[in-house]
Amino acid sequence: MENSEKLKNLLELEIIPDVEAAIDELFEEIDKGKNASTEQKEELEELRDMRTECYAILEELSRDEIDEEEIDELLAELMESKTQEE
């Protein structure tokens, strides 16, 4: 499997679902408290930015607009952050 396919799978099957789950959990916390704290608002903004960035990478991959070197770097970075979470 090429790294571009690995990157696509990592984003679609792990990273994006994890980010969306985190957004949902944060919305539930905010809903329970009826107001969002500044920290929650910042976290929500970061998660939304991350999700947008992931979708942008997927779009660039589908258009074949990312070179192999950048794909390798993105894959390594995301794998590293994924293992740090666990």
Protein backbone atom coordinates (compact mmCIF):
# COMPACT_ATOMS: atom_id res chain seq x y z
CA MET A 1 0.00 0.00 0.00
CA GLU A 2 1.32 3.40 -0.94
CA ASN A 3 1.80 6.05 1.71
CA SER A 4 -0.87 8.19 0.06
CA GLU A 5 -3.37 5.37 0.59
CA LYS A 6 -2.16 4.87 4.16
CA LEU A 7 -2.59 8.59 4.84
CA LYS A 8 -6.06 8.59 3.32
CA ASN A 9 -7.10 5.58 5.41
CA LEU A 10 -5.62 7.02 8.59
CA LEU A 11 -7.54 10.27 8.08
CA GLU A 12 -10.84 8.68 7.05
CA LEU A 13 -10.87 5.73 9.44
CA GLU A 14 -9.18 7.07 12.55
CA ILE A 15 -8.29 10.75 12.75
CA ILE A 16 -11.52 12.34 11.45
CA PRO A 17 -13.83 10.00 13.41
CA ASP A 18 -11.79 10.67 16.58
CA VAL A 19 -11.96 14.44 16.05
CA GLU A 20 -15.69 14.32 15.36
CA ALA A 21 -16.24 12.20 18.50
CA ALA A 22 -14.26 14.72 20.53
CA ILE A 23 -16.37 17.56 19.09
CA ASP A 24 -19.56 15.68 20.00
CA GLU A 25 -18.32 15.03 23.55
CA LEU A 26 -17.41 18.68 23.97
CA PHE A 27 -20.86 19.75 22.76
CA GLU A 28 -22.42 17.39 25.32
CA GLU A 29 -20.30 18.93 28.11
CA ILE A 30 -21.27 22.42 26.98
CA ASP A 31 -24.93 21.45 26.78
CA LYS A 32 -24.87 20.05 30.33
CA GLY A 33 -23.32 23.25 31.65
CA LYS A 34 -25.58 25.45 29.50
CA ASN A 35 -22.62 27.76 28.80
CA ALA A 36 -19.26 27.18 27.19
CA SER A 37 -16.19 28.23 29.11
CA THR A 38 -13.42 30.09 27.30
CA GLU A 39 -11.33 26.92 27.44
CA GLN A 40 -14.13 24.87 25.88
CA LYS A 41 -14.62 27.45 23.14
CA GLU A 42 -10.91 27.37 22.33
CA GLU A 43 -10.83 23.58 22.31
CA LEU A 44 -13.88 23.46 20.06
CA GLU A 45 -12.25 25.92 17.64
CA GLU A 46 -9.05 23.83 17.57
CA LEU A 47 -10.98 20.63 16.92
CA ARG A 48 -12.98 22.25 14.13
CA ASP A 49 -9.79 23.60 12.55
CA MET A 50 -8.21 20.16 12.77
CA ARG A 51 -11.24 18.56 11.11
CA THR A 52 -11.20 21.16 8.34
CA GLU A 53 -7.49 20.58 7.79
CA CYS A 54 -8.01 16.82 7.58
CA TYR A 55 -10.72 17.23 4.96
CA ALA A 56 -8.47 19.62 3.01
CA ILE A 57 -5.69 17.02 3.00
CA LEU A 58 -8.13 14.39 1.73
CA GLU A 59 -9.24 16.75 -1.02
CA GLU A 60 -5.64 17.43 -2.04
CA LEU A 61 -4.93 13.69 -2.04
CA SER A 62 -7.91 13.02 -4.28
CA ARG A 63 -6.67 15.68 -6.71
CA ASP A 64 -3.12 14.29 -6.53
CA GLU A 65 -1.86 17.72 -5.41
CA ILE A 66 0.48 16.51 -2.63
CA ASP A 67 3.94 15.23 -3.49
CA GLU A 68 5.32 12.03 -1.99
CA GLU A 69 7.68 13.84 0.38
CA GLU A 70 4.85 15.86 1.91
CA ILE A 71 2.69 12.73 2.15
CA ASP A 72 5.49 10.93 4.01
CA GLU A 73 5.89 13.87 6.41
CA LEU A 74 2.14 14.15 7.07
CA LEU A 75 1.82 10.41 7.61
CA ALA A 76 4.75 10.35 10.04
CA GLU A 77 3.41 13.36 11.94
CA LEU A 78 -0.10 11.94 12.24
CA MET A 79 1.16 8.50 13.25
CA GLU A 80 3.32 10.09 15.94
CA SER A 81 0.45 12.16 17.31
CA LYS A 82 -1.82 9.10 17.22
CA THR A 83 0.62 7.01 19.26
CA GLN A 84 1.07 9.86 21.77
CA GLU A 85 -2.68 9.89 22.38
CA GLU A 86 -2.72 6.19 23.21
